[in-house]
């Protein structure tokens, strides 16, 4: 049985005061369900990771980073390694979020290096995949998602892949107010699970968690979570409001 998982991606939002207050509010409102019934993580900006980790250290809520670099250390100005993130208490790390792919310009090969580095550094990567609107309209969703997963997991053994959480985020539904219907989301999640069975084995495919992300709100969370192959939610804007985020966590139980 796959335990539900809800992760909040705060993106480039909050400040030193509001990040800690938001984290504490989430902990306070979800104390009875987070950890026991559903795994929960928050992903603040780099500069607030340590403060948030300290603020929620007595809770079961985990902290994740929004990105990392694939080298362990060295002359890489502005970059942050897996060991640095692990050192301050991070458990998870997003890899290949659509904004990293389509705003920053990251390619599959780089994302694969980041996933590999995260695992080697003791972090649990959340590999994000998803198609652009024009790709969906051209019926290329299967092609795009398959390529991103195969390239993103390239070279990883079954044991290493078991540390990965996958997140399907249709790019056209991120921050737009549009949301894939539960049926559309389920179709792609089922595709991903079938692909994992082909690449590895059916046991891994049934064990790995696949999240849905893209304009997730309290009003659509329960219906999305009601789909067989949707194991959790990667939440953007709604994770910046403690009441909304906790309502989504409750919907995932």
Protein backbone atom coordinates (compact mmCIF):
# COMPACT_ATOMS: atom_id res chain seq x y z
CA UNK A 1 0.00 0.00 0.00
CA UNK A 2 1.50 3.30 -1.08
CA UNK A 3 1.34 5.92 1.66
CA UNK A 4 -0.08 9.23 0.38
CA UNK A 5 2.46 12.04 0.05
CA UNK A 6 1.77 15.77 -0.17
CA UNK A 7 4.62 18.19 -0.88
CA UNK A 8 4.43 21.97 -0.96
CA UNK A 9 6.70 23.86 -3.36
CA UNK A 10 6.98 27.45 -2.14
CA UNK A 11 9.01 28.48 -5.21
CA UNK A 12 10.51 32.00 -4.97
CA UNK A 13 8.14 33.20 -2.23
CA UNK A 14 8.13 34.04 1.50
CA UNK A 15 10.77 35.81 3.58
CA UNK A 16 12.68 34.92 6.75
CA UNK A 17 9.69 35.71 8.97
CA UNK A 18 6.80 34.39 6.89
CA UNK A 19 8.56 31.15 5.93
CA UNK A 20 8.94 30.12 9.56
CA UNK A 21 5.42 31.21 10.47
CA UNK A 22 3.96 29.33 7.53
CA UNK A 23 5.83 26.17 8.45
CA UNK A 24 4.74 26.39 12.07
CA UNK A 25 1.12 26.98 11.08
CA UNK A 26 1.16 23.91 8.83
CA UNK A 27 2.63 21.79 11.61
CA UNK A 28 0.09 23.03 14.16
CA UNK A 29 -2.92 22.39 11.94
CA UNK A 30 -1.83 18.98 10.64
CA UNK A 31 -0.31 17.44 13.77
CA UNK A 32 -2.95 14.70 14.01
CA UNK A 33 -2.58 13.40 10.46
CA UNK A 34 0.85 14.30 9.09
CA UNK A 35 3.27 11.42 9.39
CA UNK A 36 0.83 8.76 10.57
CA UNK A 37 -1.63 8.80 7.68
CA UNK A 38 0.13 10.89 5.06
CA UNK A 39 3.73 11.91 4.41
CA UNK A 40 4.17 15.69 4.16
CA UNK A 41 7.05 17.86 3.00
CA UNK A 42 7.60 21.56 2.38
CA UNK A 43 10.15 22.98 -0.03
CA UNK A 44 11.14 26.55 0.91
CA UNK A 45 13.65 28.72 -0.95
CA UNK A 46 17.30 27.80 -0.27
CA UNK A 47 17.95 30.74 2.04
CA UNK A 48 15.15 29.73 4.42
CA UNK A 49 15.73 25.98 4.47
CA UNK A 50 17.70 25.92 7.70
CA UNK A 51 15.28 28.19 9.58
CA UNK A 52 12.27 26.16 8.47
CA UNK A 53 14.01 22.87 9.31
CA UNK A 54 14.75 24.15 12.81
CA UNK A 55 11.23 25.51 13.26
CA UNK A 56 9.55 22.17 12.51
CA UNK A 57 12.23 19.83 13.83
CA UNK A 58 9.93 18.22 16.42
CA UNK A 59 7.24 17.41 13.83
CA UNK A 60 6.94 14.61 11.29
CA UNK A 61 6.91 17.06 8.38
CA UNK A 62 9.98 16.81 6.19
CA UNK A 63 11.84 19.57 4.39
CA UNK A 64 12.91 19.46 0.77
CA UNK A 65 15.00 21.66 -1.48
CA UNK A 66 13.75 23.02 -4.79
CA UNK A 67 16.91 22.10 -6.70
CA UNK A 68 20.55 21.03 -6.29
CA UNK A 69 23.76 20.75 -8.29
CA UNK A 70 25.18 17.40 -9.32
CA UNK A 71 28.77 17.91 -8.15
CA UNK A 72 29.74 17.19 -4.54
CA UNK A 73 31.83 20.34 -4.08
CA UNK A 74 34.17 22.66 -5.94
CA UNK A 75 34.33 25.88 -7.92
CA UNK A 76 30.65 26.10 -8.85
CA UNK A 77 29.64 29.60 -7.85
CA UNK A 78 26.03 29.91 -6.78
CA UNK A 79 25.35 26.17 -6.66
CA UNK A 80 24.38 23.94 -3.72
CA UNK A 81 25.26 20.27 -3.32
CA UNK A 82 23.33 17.31 -1.95
CA UNK A 83 25.68 17.06 1.02
CA UNK A 84 25.03 20.69 1.94
CA UNK A 85 21.28 20.13 1.81
CA UNK A 86 21.56 16.91 3.81
CA UNK A 87 23.75 18.70 6.34
CA UNK A 88 21.02 21.18 7.25
CA UNK A 89 18.29 18.57 7.51
CA UNK A 90 16.75 18.25 4.05
CA UNK A 91 15.16 14.91 3.21
CA UNK A 92 13.83 15.59 -0.30
CA UNK A 93 14.87 17.51 -3.37
CA UNK A 94 12.87 18.48 -6.45
CA UNK A 95 14.60 17.61 -9.72
CA UNK A 96 13.47 18.76 -13.15
CA UNK A 97 10.54 20.93 -12.09
CA UNK A 98 8.89 22.40 -15.18
CA UNK A 99 10.16 25.87 -14.32
CA UNK A 100 13.71 24.54 -14.21
CA UNK A 101 13.13 22.89 -17.59
CA UNK A 102 11.24 25.61 -19.42
CA UNK A 103 12.30 28.84 -17.72
CA UNK A 104 15.89 28.01 -16.77
CA UNK A 105 16.48 25.68 -19.72
CA UNK A 106 17.54 22.44 -18.01
CA UNK A 107 17.71 19.38 -20.24
CA UNK A 108 17.08 15.72 -19.46
CA UNK A 109 20.79 14.87 -19.19
CA UNK A 110 21.40 17.51 -16.51
CA UNK A 111 18.27 16.48 -14.62
CA UNK A 112 19.43 12.86 -14.64
CA UNK A 113 22.74 13.94 -13.09
CA UNK A 114 20.83 15.79 -10.38
CA UNK A 115 18.62 12.80 -9.60
CA UNK A 116 21.69 10.58 -9.37
CA UNK A 117 23.53 13.08 -7.18
CA UNK A 118 20.55 13.44 -4.86
CA UNK A 119 20.38 9.69 -4.28
CA UNK A 120 24.14 9.40 -3.82
CA UNK A 121 23.99 12.25 -1.31
CA UNK A 122 21.28 10.63 0.78
CA UNK A 123 18.35 12.73 -0.45
CA UNK A 124 15.06 11.48 -1.85
CA UNK A 125 14.56 13.05 -5.28
CA UNK A 126 11.16 14.07 -6.62
CA UNK A 127 11.55 13.83 -10.39
CA UNK A 128 9.06 16.10 -12.16
CA UNK A 129 7.82 15.38 -15.67
CA UNK A 130 5.10 16.83 -17.86
CA UNK A 131 4.15 18.20 -21.25
CA UNK A 132 3.59 21.69 -22.63
CA UNK A 133 0.15 22.72 -23.91
CA UNK A 134 1.25 22.50 -27.53
CA UNK A 135 2.65 19.02 -26.90
CA UNK A 136 -0.67 17.84 -25.46
CA UNK A 137 -2.58 19.39 -28.34
CA UNK A 138 -0.27 17.55 -30.75
CA UNK A 139 -0.97 14.26 -28.92
CA UNK A 140 2.65 14.04 -27.78
CA UNK A 141 2.00 13.61 -24.03
CA UNK A 142 3.01 9.94 -24.05
CA UNK A 143 6.14 10.65 -26.09
CA UNK A 144 7.27 13.55 -23.89
CA UNK A 145 6.59 11.92 -20.53
CA UNK A 146 8.19 8.65 -21.62
CA UNK A 147 11.33 10.46 -22.79
CA UNK A 148 11.60 12.50 -19.62
CA UNK A 149 11.26 9.45 -17.37
CA UNK A 150 13.61 7.22 -19.35
CA UNK A 151 16.26 9.93 -19.55
CA UNK A 152 15.70 11.14 -16.00
CA UNK A 153 16.17 7.65 -14.54
CA UNK A 154 18.94 6.56 -16.94
CA UNK A 155 21.63 4.45 -15.33
CA UNK A 156 19.76 3.92 -12.07
CA UNK A 157 19.31 0.45 -10.61
CA UNK A 158 16.04 -0.83 -9.14
CA UNK A 159 17.45 -0.18 -5.67
CA UNK A 160 18.27 3.44 -6.47
CA UNK A 161 15.04 4.12 -8.31
CA UNK A 162 13.11 2.96 -5.24
CA UNK A 163 14.29 6.18 -3.57
CA UNK A 164 12.61 8.31 -6.25
CA UNK A 165 9.16 9.88 -6.14
CA UNK A 166 7.75 10.86 -9.52
CA UNK A 167 5.54 13.90 -10.06
CA UNK A 168 3.44 14.40 -13.17
CA UNK A 169 2.90 18.10 -13.80
CA UNK A 170 1.21 19.07 -17.04
CA UNK A 171 3.00 22.35 -17.69
CA UNK A 172 -0.17 23.93 -19.06
CA UNK A 173 -1.83 23.45 -15.66
CA UNK A 174 0.86 25.03 -13.45
CA UNK A 175 -0.12 28.41 -12.07
CA UNK A 176 -2.69 28.90 -14.84
CA UNK A 177 -5.82 27.97 -12.95
CA UNK A 178 -6.28 25.10 -15.41
CA UNK A 179 -6.16 21.61 -14.01
CA UNK A 180 -6.00 18.29 -15.77
CA UNK A 181 -9.22 16.44 -15.12
CA UNK A 182 -8.85 13.54 -12.70
CA UNK A 183 -9.32 11.23 -15.69
CA UNK A 184 -6.58 12.97 -17.70
CA UNK A 185 -4.24 12.83 -14.74
CA UNK A 186 -5.03 9.16 -14.08
CA UNK A 187 -4.32 8.25 -17.70
CA UNK A 188 -0.81 9.67 -17.50
CA UNK A 189 -0.16 8.22 -14.03
CA UNK A 190 -1.19 4.78 -15.31
CA UNK A 191 1.10 5.29 -18.30
CA UNK A 192 4.00 6.11 -15.98
CA UNK A 193 3.36 3.08 -13.78
CA UNK A 194 3.23 0.83 -16.82
CA UNK A 195 6.47 2.34 -18.12
CA UNK A 196 8.20 1.66 -14.80
CA UNK A 197 7.08 -1.96 -14.98
CA UNK A 198 8.65 -2.22 -18.43
CA UNK A 199 11.87 -0.48 -17.40
CA UNK A 200 12.29 -2.30 -14.08
CA UNK A 201 9.64 -4.68 -12.75
CA UNK A 202 6.02 -4.76 -11.64
CA UNK A 203 6.92 -4.76 -7.95
CA UNK A 204 8.80 -1.47 -8.22
CA UNK A 205 6.03 -0.03 -10.38
CA UNK A 206 3.47 -0.80 -7.66
CA UNK A 207 5.66 0.52 -4.86
CA UNK A 208 6.81 3.86 -6.29
CA UNK A 209 4.73 6.94 -5.54
CA UNK A 210 3.53 9.17 -8.36
CA UNK A 211 2.26 12.63 -7.42
CA UNK A 212 0.09 14.99 -9.43
CA UNK A 213 0.95 18.68 -9.62
CA UNK A 214 -0.72 21.55 -11.41
CA UNK A 215 -3.12 24.07 -9.84
CA UNK A 216 -3.99 21.70 -6.99
CA UNK A 217 -6.48 23.28 -4.59
CA UNK A 218 -8.61 22.14 -1.64
CA UNK A 219 -11.58 21.92 -4.01
CA UNK A 220 -10.03 19.39 -6.41
CA UNK A 221 -7.61 17.50 -4.17
CA UNK A 222 -9.98 14.75 -3.02
CA UNK A 223 -11.15 13.87 -6.54
CA UNK A 224 -7.57 13.74 -7.79
CA UNK A 225 -6.57 11.54 -4.86
CA UNK A 226 -9.48 9.24 -5.63
CA UNK A 227 -7.74 8.01 -8.78
CA UNK A 228 -6.05 4.62 -8.54
CA UNK A 229 -2.57 5.67 -9.61
CA UNK A 230 -2.39 9.13 -8.00
CA UNK A 231 -0.51 8.70 -4.74
CA UNK A 232 -0.14 12.30 -3.67
CA UNK A 233 0.03 15.91 -4.70
CA UNK A 234 2.77 18.42 -5.46
CA UNK A 235 1.23 21.74 -4.47
CA UNK A 236 2.39 25.17 -5.62
CA UNK A 237 0.44 28.33 -4.84
CA UNK A 238 -1.97 26.69 -2.40
CA UNK A 239 0.96 25.57 -0.22
CA UNK A 240 1.62 29.23 0.64
CA UNK A 241 -1.61 29.33 2.64
CA UNK A 242 -1.55 27.08 5.70
CA UNK A 243 -5.33 26.52 5.75
CA UNK A 244 -5.43 25.56 2.07
CA UNK A 245 -2.39 23.32 2.31
CA UNK A 246 -3.71 21.51 5.37
CA UNK A 247 -7.09 21.03 3.67
CA UNK A 248 -5.22 19.37 0.78
CA UNK A 249 -3.31 17.18 3.23
CA UNK A 250 -6.60 16.12 4.81
CA UNK A 251 -8.03 15.31 1.38
CA UNK A 252 -5.11 12.97 0.75
CA UNK A 253 -5.76 10.79 3.79
